[in-house]
Amino acid sequence: MDAYKTINNVLVNLFKEIMELEEKAIITEEFKDLTNNDMHVIEAIGLGESKNMSEIAKKLKITVGTLTTNVNRLINRKYAKRIRGNEDRRIVFVKLTPKGEKAYKHHEDYHRQMTDAILKGLSEEEIPVLVRALDSLSTFFREYELKKENTVNKLAILKS
């Protein structure tokens, strides 16, 4: 198989494989009440300082309404808590509880293991090449998303 076909096959299957394996790895008996999506919301909330809902939604690229549904589920399951702003009570912050922090660290450990598995198979010279390749792929995704958003915006303007 030539390089193009190999890379294409890896890229096409990689996301699906990562999501399937990640779900099996992180949704253990202890965290069986969470979904993969819940874990990514927990990751976006993060450790330390509380974050406001808009900040978390932007990081996840979802609406605040969608995030509210996810956060409500995490609060009901005791993984997160809401904190009202001191200066403006309308502003809602979210912070992980100790149980949520434990789930965050569990998820982070899976990502560390995945990254370690990649790095252990590479020489010191190969690592910068992989970083450049992954950075190029990331740039492609960001630019592709921007092009798509611009096309949608142009169509909306033409229709109005």
N, C-alpha and C. Protein backbone atom coordinates (compact mmCIF):
# COMPACT_ATOMS: atom_id res chain seq x y z
N MET A 1 0.85 -1.18 0.00
CA MET A 1 0.00 0.00 0.00
C MET A 1 0.89 1.24 0.00
N ASP A 2 0.54 2.20 -0.81
CA ASP A 2 1.38 3.40 -0.87
C ASP A 2 1.09 4.32 0.32
N ALA A 3 1.94 5.32 0.51
CA ALA A 3 1.86 6.21 1.66
C ALA A 3 0.51 6.94 1.71
N TYR A 4 0.01 7.42 0.57
CA TYR A 4 -1.25 8.15 0.54
C TYR A 4 -2.38 7.28 1.08
N LYS A 5 -2.50 6.06 0.55
CA LYS A 5 -3.57 5.17 0.99
C LYS A 5 -3.43 4.81 2.46
N THR A 6 -2.22 4.57 2.91
CA THR A 6 -1.99 4.22 4.31
C THR A 6 -2.41 5.37 5.22
N ILE A 7 -1.96 6.58 4.90
CA ILE A 7 -2.31 7.75 5.72
C ILE A 7 -3.82 7.97 5.68
N ASN A 8 -4.42 7.87 4.51
CA ASN A 8 -5.87 8.05 4.41
C ASN A 8 -6.61 7.04 5.26
N ASN A 9 -6.22 5.77 5.18
CA ASN A 9 -6.88 4.73 5.99
C ASN A 9 -6.74 5.01 7.48
N VAL A 10 -5.55 5.41 7.90
CA VAL A 10 -5.32 5.70 9.31
C VAL A 10 -6.21 6.87 9.75
N LEU A 11 -6.24 7.94 8.98
CA LEU A 11 -7.04 9.11 9.35
C LEU A 11 -8.53 8.79 9.38
N VAL A 12 -9.00 8.03 8.41
CA VAL A 12 -10.42 7.70 8.34
C VAL A 12 -10.84 6.87 9.55
N ASN A 13 -10.00 5.94 9.96
CA ASN A 13 -10.36 5.04 11.05
C ASN A 13 -9.93 5.52 12.43
N LEU A 14 -8.98 6.42 12.49
CA LEU A 14 -8.40 6.82 13.77
C LEU A 14 -9.42 7.42 14.73
N PHE A 15 -10.21 8.39 14.28
CA PHE A 15 -11.17 9.04 15.16
C PHE A 15 -12.14 8.03 15.75
N LYS A 16 -12.69 7.18 14.90
CA LYS A 16 -13.63 6.16 15.35
C LYS A 16 -12.98 5.24 16.38
N GLU A 17 -11.78 4.79 16.09
CA GLU A 17 -11.08 3.89 17.01
C GLU A 17 -10.78 4.56 18.35
N ILE A 18 -10.33 5.82 18.29
CA ILE A 18 -10.01 6.54 19.52
C ILE A 18 -11.26 6.68 20.37
N MET A 19 -12.37 7.08 19.76
CA MET A 19 -13.61 7.27 20.53
C MET A 19 -14.11 5.95 21.13
N GLU A 20 -14.06 4.88 20.36
CA GLU A 20 -14.51 3.58 20.87
C GLU A 20 -13.63 3.10 22.02
N LEU A 21 -12.32 3.17 21.81
CA LEU A 21 -11.40 2.71 22.84
C LEU A 21 -11.42 3.61 24.07
N GLU A 22 -11.54 4.91 23.84
CA GLU A 22 -11.58 5.84 24.96
C GLU A 22 -12.80 5.53 25.83
N GLU A 23 -13.93 5.30 25.20
CA GLU A 23 -15.14 5.00 25.98
C GLU A 23 -14.94 3.74 26.81
N LYS A 24 -14.37 2.71 26.23
CA LYS A 24 -14.12 1.46 26.97
C LYS A 24 -13.11 1.68 28.09
N ALA A 25 -12.12 2.51 27.87
CA ALA A 25 -11.06 2.72 28.85
C ALA A 25 -11.49 3.62 30.00
N ILE A 26 -12.27 4.66 29.71
CA ILE A 26 -12.56 5.63 30.78
C ILE A 26 -13.89 5.39 31.47
N ILE A 27 -14.81 4.70 30.82
CA ILE A 27 -16.09 4.44 31.47
C ILE A 27 -15.99 3.09 32.19
N THR A 28 -15.38 3.18 33.37
CA THR A 28 -15.14 1.99 34.20
C THR A 28 -16.31 1.80 35.16
N GLU A 29 -16.24 0.80 35.99
CA GLU A 29 -17.28 0.56 37.00
C GLU A 29 -17.49 1.80 37.87
N GLU A 30 -16.40 2.45 38.24
CA GLU A 30 -16.50 3.64 39.09
C GLU A 30 -17.21 4.80 38.39
N PHE A 31 -17.03 4.90 37.08
CA PHE A 31 -17.59 6.02 36.32
C PHE A 31 -18.66 5.56 35.32
N LYS A 32 -19.37 4.49 35.66
CA LYS A 32 -20.36 3.93 34.73
C LYS A 32 -21.56 4.85 34.51
N ASP A 33 -21.73 5.85 35.38
CA ASP A 33 -22.84 6.78 35.21
C ASP A 33 -22.49 7.95 34.30
N LEU A 34 -21.30 7.91 33.70
CA LEU A 34 -20.85 8.96 32.78
C LEU A 34 -20.79 8.44 31.36
N THR A 35 -20.96 9.34 30.42
CA THR A 35 -20.75 9.02 29.01
C THR A 35 -19.42 9.63 28.59
N ASN A 36 -18.98 9.27 27.41
CA ASN A 36 -17.78 9.87 26.85
C ASN A 36 -17.96 11.38 26.75
N ASN A 37 -19.15 11.80 26.35
CA ASN A 37 -19.46 13.22 26.24
C ASN A 37 -19.35 13.91 27.61
N ASP A 38 -19.87 13.25 28.65
CA ASP A 38 -19.75 13.80 30.01
C ASP A 38 -18.29 14.01 30.38
N MET A 39 -17.45 13.05 30.03
CA MET A 39 -16.02 13.16 30.35
C MET A 39 -15.40 14.36 29.65
N HIS A 40 -15.84 14.65 28.44
CA HIS A 40 -15.27 15.79 27.73
C HIS A 40 -15.78 17.12 28.30
N VAL A 41 -17.00 17.12 28.84
CA VAL A 41 -17.48 18.31 29.54
C VAL A 41 -16.66 18.50 30.82
N ILE A 42 -16.42 17.42 31.54
CA ILE A 42 -15.58 17.48 32.75
C ILE A 42 -14.20 18.00 32.39
N GLU A 43 -13.64 17.53 31.28
CA GLU A 43 -12.33 17.99 30.83
C GLU A 43 -12.36 19.50 30.54
N ALA A 44 -13.43 19.98 29.92
CA ALA A 44 -13.53 21.40 29.58
C ALA A 44 -13.69 22.26 30.84
N ILE A 45 -14.38 21.75 31.84
CA ILE A 45 -14.51 22.48 33.10
C ILE A 45 -13.13 22.59 33.74
N GLY A 46 -12.41 21.47 33.75
CA GLY A 46 -11.04 21.47 34.22
C GLY A 46 -10.88 21.54 35.73
N LEU A 47 -9.64 21.49 36.14
CA LEU A 47 -9.30 21.55 37.56
C LEU A 47 -9.07 23.00 37.96
N GLY A 48 -9.16 23.27 39.23
CA GLY A 48 -8.83 24.61 39.72
C GLY A 48 -10.00 25.55 39.70
N GLU A 49 -9.76 26.75 39.20
CA GLU A 49 -10.76 27.82 39.21
C GLU A 49 -12.04 27.41 38.49
N SER A 50 -13.16 27.93 38.98
CA SER A 50 -14.43 27.69 38.30
C SER A 50 -14.42 28.48 36.98
N LYS A 51 -15.23 27.99 36.05
CA LYS A 51 -15.33 28.65 34.73
C LYS A 51 -16.78 29.00 34.49
N ASN A 52 -17.00 30.10 33.74
CA ASN A 52 -18.39 30.44 33.44
C ASN A 52 -18.88 29.57 32.28
N MET A 53 -20.19 29.49 32.17
CA MET A 53 -20.82 28.60 31.19
C MET A 53 -20.43 28.96 29.76
N SER A 54 -20.35 30.25 29.46
CA SER A 54 -20.00 30.67 28.09
C SER A 54 -18.60 30.21 27.73
N GLU A 55 -17.68 30.32 28.67
CA GLU A 55 -16.29 29.91 28.44
C GLU A 55 -16.21 28.41 28.15
N ILE A 56 -16.94 27.62 28.92
CA ILE A 56 -16.94 26.17 28.72
C ILE A 56 -17.59 25.81 27.39
N ALA A 57 -18.72 26.43 27.09
CA ALA A 57 -19.44 26.15 25.83
C ALA A 57 -18.56 26.48 24.64
N LYS A 58 -17.87 27.61 24.71
CA LYS A 58 -16.98 28.01 23.60
C LYS A 58 -15.87 26.99 23.41
N LYS A 59 -15.30 26.52 24.50
CA LYS A 59 -14.23 25.52 24.42
C LYS A 59 -14.72 24.23 23.76
N LEU A 60 -15.96 23.85 24.07
CA LEU A 60 -16.54 22.62 23.51
C LEU A 60 -17.20 22.83 22.15
N LYS A 61 -17.35 24.11 21.74
CA LYS A 61 -17.99 24.47 20.48
C LYS A 61 -19.45 23.99 20.45
N ILE A 62 -20.14 24.25 21.58
CA ILE A 62 -21.56 23.95 21.69
C ILE A 62 -22.27 25.18 22.24
N THR A 63 -23.59 25.17 22.20
CA THR A 63 -24.33 26.30 22.73
C THR A 63 -24.39 26.21 24.25
N VAL A 64 -24.66 27.35 24.89
CA VAL A 64 -24.81 27.36 26.35
C VAL A 64 -26.02 26.51 26.74
N GLY A 65 -27.06 26.51 25.91
CA GLY A 65 -28.23 25.67 26.18
C GLY A 65 -27.89 24.19 26.22
N THR A 66 -27.13 23.74 25.26
CA THR A 66 -26.69 22.34 25.24
C THR A 66 -25.82 22.04 26.45
N LEU A 67 -24.92 22.96 26.75
CA LEU A 67 -24.04 22.77 27.91
C LEU A 67 -24.86 22.69 29.19
N THR A 68 -25.90 23.51 29.31
CA THR A 68 -26.74 23.50 30.51
C THR A 68 -27.30 22.11 30.77
N THR A 69 -27.76 21.46 29.73
CA THR A 69 -28.28 20.09 29.86
C THR A 69 -27.19 19.15 30.38
N ASN A 70 -25.99 19.27 29.80
CA ASN A 70 -24.88 18.41 30.22
C ASN A 70 -24.47 18.70 31.66
N VAL A 71 -24.38 19.98 32.00
CA VAL A 71 -23.95 20.36 33.36
C VAL A 71 -25.00 19.92 34.38
N ASN A 72 -26.27 20.06 34.05
CA ASN A 72 -27.32 19.61 34.98
C ASN A 72 -27.15 18.13 35.31
N ARG A 73 -26.85 17.33 34.30
CA ARG A 73 -26.63 15.89 34.51
C ARG A 73 -25.42 15.66 35.42
N LEU A 74 -24.33 16.42 35.20
CA LEU A 74 -23.14 16.27 36.03
C LEU A 74 -23.40 16.72 37.47
N ILE A 75 -24.20 17.75 37.63
CA ILE A 75 -24.54 18.24 38.97
C ILE A 75 -25.41 17.21 39.70
N ASN A 76 -26.39 16.66 38.99
CA ASN A 76 -27.26 15.64 39.59
C ASN A 76 -26.47 14.40 40.02
N ARG A 77 -25.40 14.13 39.34
CA ARG A 77 -24.57 12.95 39.66
C ARG A 77 -23.38 13.31 40.56
N LYS A 78 -23.35 14.55 41.01
CA LYS A 78 -22.36 15.04 41.99
C LYS A 78 -20.93 15.16 41.44
N TYR A 79 -20.80 15.36 40.12
CA TYR A 79 -19.48 15.56 39.52
C TYR A 79 -19.12 17.04 39.42
N ALA A 80 -20.12 17.90 39.48
CA ALA A 80 -19.89 19.34 39.34
C ALA A 80 -20.87 20.09 40.22
N LYS A 81 -20.57 21.37 40.42
CA LYS A 81 -21.49 22.24 41.16
C LYS A 81 -21.53 23.60 40.49
N ARG A 82 -22.67 24.27 40.66
CA ARG A 82 -22.87 25.62 40.14
C ARG A 82 -22.51 26.61 41.22
N ILE A 83 -21.91 27.71 40.80
CA ILE A 83 -21.60 28.80 41.73
C ILE A 83 -22.07 30.09 41.06
N ARG A 84 -22.89 30.84 41.75
CA ARG A 84 -23.35 32.13 41.23
C ARG A 84 -22.27 33.17 41.45
N GLY A 85 -22.16 34.11 40.50
CA GLY A 85 -21.17 35.18 40.61
C GLY A 85 -21.45 36.07 41.81
N ASN A 86 -20.41 36.52 42.48
CA ASN A 86 -20.57 37.41 43.64
C ASN A 86 -21.04 38.79 43.21
N GLU A 87 -20.45 39.30 42.14
CA GLU A 87 -20.78 40.65 41.68
C GLU A 87 -22.04 40.68 40.85
N ASP A 88 -22.25 39.66 40.05
CA ASP A 88 -23.44 39.58 39.20
C ASP A 88 -24.02 38.18 39.35
N ARG A 89 -25.11 38.06 40.08
CA ARG A 89 -25.70 36.75 40.38
C ARG A 89 -26.24 36.04 39.14
N ARG A 90 -26.36 36.77 38.03
CA ARG A 90 -26.84 36.15 36.80
C ARG A 90 -25.77 35.29 36.15
N ILE A 91 -24.52 35.57 36.47
CA ILE A 91 -23.41 34.81 35.89
C ILE A 91 -23.26 33.51 36.67
N VAL A 92 -23.24 32.41 35.93
CA VAL A 92 -23.13 31.08 36.54
C VAL A 92 -21.76 30.51 36.23
N PHE A 93 -21.10 30.07 37.28
CA PHE A 93 -19.82 29.39 37.15
C PHE A 93 -20.01 27.92 37.47
N VAL A 94 -19.13 27.10 36.92
CA VAL A 94 -19.18 25.66 37.18
C VAL A 94 -17.81 25.22 37.67
N LYS A 95 -17.83 24.37 38.66
CA LYS A 95 -16.58 23.85 39.23
C LYS A 95 -16.78 22.36 39.49
N LEU A 96 -15.71 21.62 39.32
CA LEU A 96 -15.78 20.19 39.60
C LEU A 96 -15.79 19.95 41.10
N THR A 97 -16.52 18.94 41.52
CA THR A 97 -16.49 18.48 42.90
C THR A 97 -15.28 17.53 43.03
N PRO A 98 -14.95 17.08 44.23
CA PRO A 98 -13.87 16.08 44.35
C PRO A 98 -14.13 14.83 43.49
N LYS A 99 -15.39 14.42 43.40
CA LYS A 99 -15.74 13.27 42.54
C LYS A 99 -15.46 13.61 41.07
N GLY A 100 -15.79 14.83 40.65
CA GLY A 100 -15.53 15.28 39.28
C GLY A 100 -14.04 15.39 39.01
N GLU A 101 -13.28 15.85 39.99
CA GLU A 101 -11.83 15.95 39.84
C GLU A 101 -11.21 14.56 39.66
N LYS A 102 -11.77 13.58 40.36
CA LYS A 102 -11.28 12.20 40.23
C LYS A 102 -11.56 11.67 38.81
N ALA A 103 -12.75 11.97 38.29
CA ALA A 103 -13.08 11.56 36.91
C ALA A 103 -12.16 12.28 35.92
N TYR A 104 -11.90 13.57 36.15
CA TYR A 104 -11.00 14.34 35.30
C TYR A 104 -9.62 13.68 35.25
N LYS A 105 -9.09 13.33 36.40
CA LYS A 105 -7.75 12.72 36.47
C LYS A 105 -7.73 11.35 35.81
N HIS A 106 -8.83 10.61 35.94
CA HIS A 106 -8.94 9.30 35.27
C HIS A 106 -8.89 9.47 33.75
N HIS A 107 -9.62 10.45 33.24
CA HIS A 107 -9.64 10.74 31.81
C HIS A 107 -8.27 11.22 31.35
N GLU A 108 -7.67 12.11 32.12
CA GLU A 108 -6.34 12.63 31.80
C GLU A 108 -5.31 11.49 31.74
N ASP A 109 -5.44 10.52 32.64
CA ASP A 109 -4.52 9.39 32.66
C ASP A 109 -4.63 8.56 31.38
N TYR A 110 -5.85 8.39 30.87
CA TYR A 110 -6.03 7.68 29.61
C TYR A 110 -5.30 8.40 28.48
N HIS A 111 -5.45 9.72 28.43
CA HIS A 111 -4.78 10.51 27.39
C HIS A 111 -3.26 10.43 27.54
N ARG A 112 -2.77 10.42 28.77
CA ARG A 112 -1.33 10.29 29.00
C ARG A 112 -0.84 8.93 28.49
N GLN A 113 -1.58 7.88 28.79
CA GLN A 113 -1.20 6.53 28.33
C GLN A 113 -1.19 6.46 26.81
N MET A 114 -2.19 7.07 26.17
CA MET A 114 -2.28 7.07 24.71
C MET A 114 -1.07 7.80 24.11
N THR A 115 -0.74 8.96 24.68
CA THR A 115 0.39 9.74 24.18
C THR A 115 1.70 9.01 24.43
N ASP A 116 1.85 8.42 25.60
CA ASP A 116 3.06 7.65 25.91
C ASP A 116 3.24 6.48 24.94
N ALA A 117 2.14 5.83 24.58
CA ALA A 117 2.20 4.70 23.64
C ALA A 117 2.74 5.14 22.28
N ILE A 118 2.35 6.33 21.86
CA ILE A 118 2.84 6.86 20.58
C ILE A 118 4.33 7.20 20.68
N LEU A 119 4.66 7.92 21.74
CA LEU A 119 6.03 8.42 21.89
C LEU A 119 7.05 7.31 22.10
N LYS A 120 6.67 6.24 22.79
CA LYS A 120 7.65 5.19 23.08
C LYS A 120 8.11 4.45 21.82
N GLY A 121 7.31 4.53 20.76
CA GLY A 121 7.69 3.88 19.51
C GLY A 121 8.50 4.76 18.57
N LEU A 122 8.82 6.00 19.01
CA LEU A 122 9.53 6.94 18.15
C LEU A 122 10.91 7.28 18.69
N SER A 123 11.80 7.57 17.77
CA SER A 123 13.11 8.05 18.17
C SER A 123 13.01 9.55 18.44
N GLU A 124 14.04 10.11 19.04
CA GLU A 124 14.07 11.55 19.33
C GLU A 124 13.95 12.37 18.03
N GLU A 125 14.49 11.86 16.94
CA GLU A 125 14.44 12.56 15.66
C GLU A 125 13.04 12.51 15.04
N GLU A 126 12.30 11.44 15.31
CA GLU A 126 10.98 11.28 14.71
C GLU A 126 9.91 12.12 15.40
N ILE A 127 10.09 12.43 16.67
CA ILE A 127 9.07 13.16 17.42
C ILE A 127 8.75 14.52 16.79
N PRO A 128 9.75 15.35 16.44
CA PRO A 128 9.40 16.63 15.81
C PRO A 128 8.65 16.46 14.47
N VAL A 129 8.94 15.39 13.74
CA VAL A 129 8.24 15.13 12.48
C VAL A 129 6.76 14.83 12.76
N LEU A 130 6.51 14.00 13.77
CA LEU A 130 5.13 13.69 14.14
C LEU A 130 4.41 14.95 14.62
N VAL A 131 5.06 15.77 15.42
CA VAL A 131 4.45 17.00 15.91
C VAL A 131 4.07 17.91 14.74
N ARG A 132 4.96 18.06 13.77
CA ARG A 132 4.66 18.89 12.59
C ARG A 132 3.48 18.32 11.81
N ALA A 133 3.46 17.00 11.64
CA ALA A 133 2.37 16.37 10.89
C ALA A 133 1.03 16.57 11.60
N LEU A 134 1.01 16.38 12.91
CA LEU A 134 -0.22 16.55 13.67
C LEU A 134 -0.65 18.02 13.70
N ASP A 135 0.31 18.90 13.76
CA ASP A 135 0.01 20.33 13.73
C ASP A 135 -0.59 20.71 12.38
N SER A 136 -0.06 20.16 11.30
CA SER A 136 -0.61 20.41 9.97
C SER A 136 -2.04 19.90 9.86
N LEU A 137 -2.30 18.75 10.43
CA LEU A 137 -3.65 18.18 10.41
C LEU A 137 -4.60 19.07 11.22
N SER A 138 -4.15 19.51 12.37
CA SER A 138 -4.95 20.41 13.20
C SER A 138 -5.27 21.71 12.47
N THR A 139 -4.27 22.26 11.80
CA THR A 139 -4.47 23.48 11.02
C THR A 139 -5.50 23.24 9.91
N PHE A 140 -5.41 22.11 9.24
CA PHE A 140 -6.39 21.77 8.20
C PHE A 140 -7.80 21.77 8.77
N PHE A 141 -7.99 21.13 9.92
CA PHE A 141 -9.33 21.06 10.52
C PHE A 141 -9.86 22.44 10.88
N ARG A 142 -9.02 23.27 11.48
CA ARG A 142 -9.44 24.62 11.85
C ARG A 142 -9.80 25.44 10.61
N GLU A 143 -8.96 25.38 9.58
CA GLU A 143 -9.21 26.15 8.35
C GLU A 143 -10.45 25.61 7.63
N TYR A 144 -10.63 24.32 7.62
CA TYR A 144 -11.80 23.72 6.98
C TYR A 144 -13.07 24.18 7.68
N GLU A 145 -13.04 24.20 9.00
CA GLU A 145 -14.19 24.65 9.78
C GLU A 145 -14.50 26.12 9.50
N LEU A 146 -13.47 26.95 9.40
CA LEU A 146 -13.67 28.37 9.09
C LEU A 146 -14.28 28.55 7.70
N LYS A 147 -13.78 27.79 6.72
CA LYS A 147 -14.34 27.87 5.37
C LYS A 147 -15.81 27.49 5.38
N LYS A 148 -16.14 26.45 6.11
CA LYS A 148 -17.52 25.98 6.20
C LYS A 148 -18.39 27.06 6.84
N GLU A 149 -17.92 27.66 7.95
CA GLU A 149 -18.68 28.73 8.62
C GLU A 149 -18.87 29.91 7.68
N ASN A 150 -17.83 30.28 6.95
CA ASN A 150 -17.94 31.41 6.02
C ASN A 150 -18.94 31.13 4.91
N THR A 151 -18.96 29.91 4.40
CA THR A 151 -19.92 29.52 3.36
C THR A 151 -21.34 29.60 3.89
N VAL A 152 -21.56 29.10 5.10
CA VAL A 152 -22.90 29.15 5.71
C VAL A 152 -23.32 30.60 5.91
N ASN A 153 -22.41 31.44 6.39
CA ASN A 153 -22.72 32.86 6.60
C ASN A 153 -23.06 33.56 5.28
N LYS A 154 -22.31 33.26 4.23
CA LYS A 154 -22.57 33.88 2.92
C LYS A 154 -23.93 33.45 2.39
N LEU A 155 -24.28 32.17 2.56
CA LEU A 155 -25.59 31.69 2.12
C LEU A 155 -26.71 32.38 2.89
N ALA A 156 -26.53 32.57 4.19
CA ALA A 156 -27.53 33.24 5.01
C ALA A 156 -27.72 34.68 4.55
N ILE A 157 -26.63 35.35 4.19
CA ILE A 157 -26.72 36.74 3.72
C ILE A 157 -27.44 36.79 2.38
N LEU A 158 -27.14 35.86 1.50
CA LEU A 158 -27.79 35.83 0.18
C LEU A 158 -29.29 35.57 0.30
N LYS A 159 -29.70 34.74 1.26
CA LYS A 159 -31.11 34.42 1.45
C LYS A 159 -31.88 35.56 2.07
N SER A 160 -31.20 36.45 2.77
CA SER A 160 -31.93 37.54 3.46
C SER A 160 -32.16 38.75 2.57
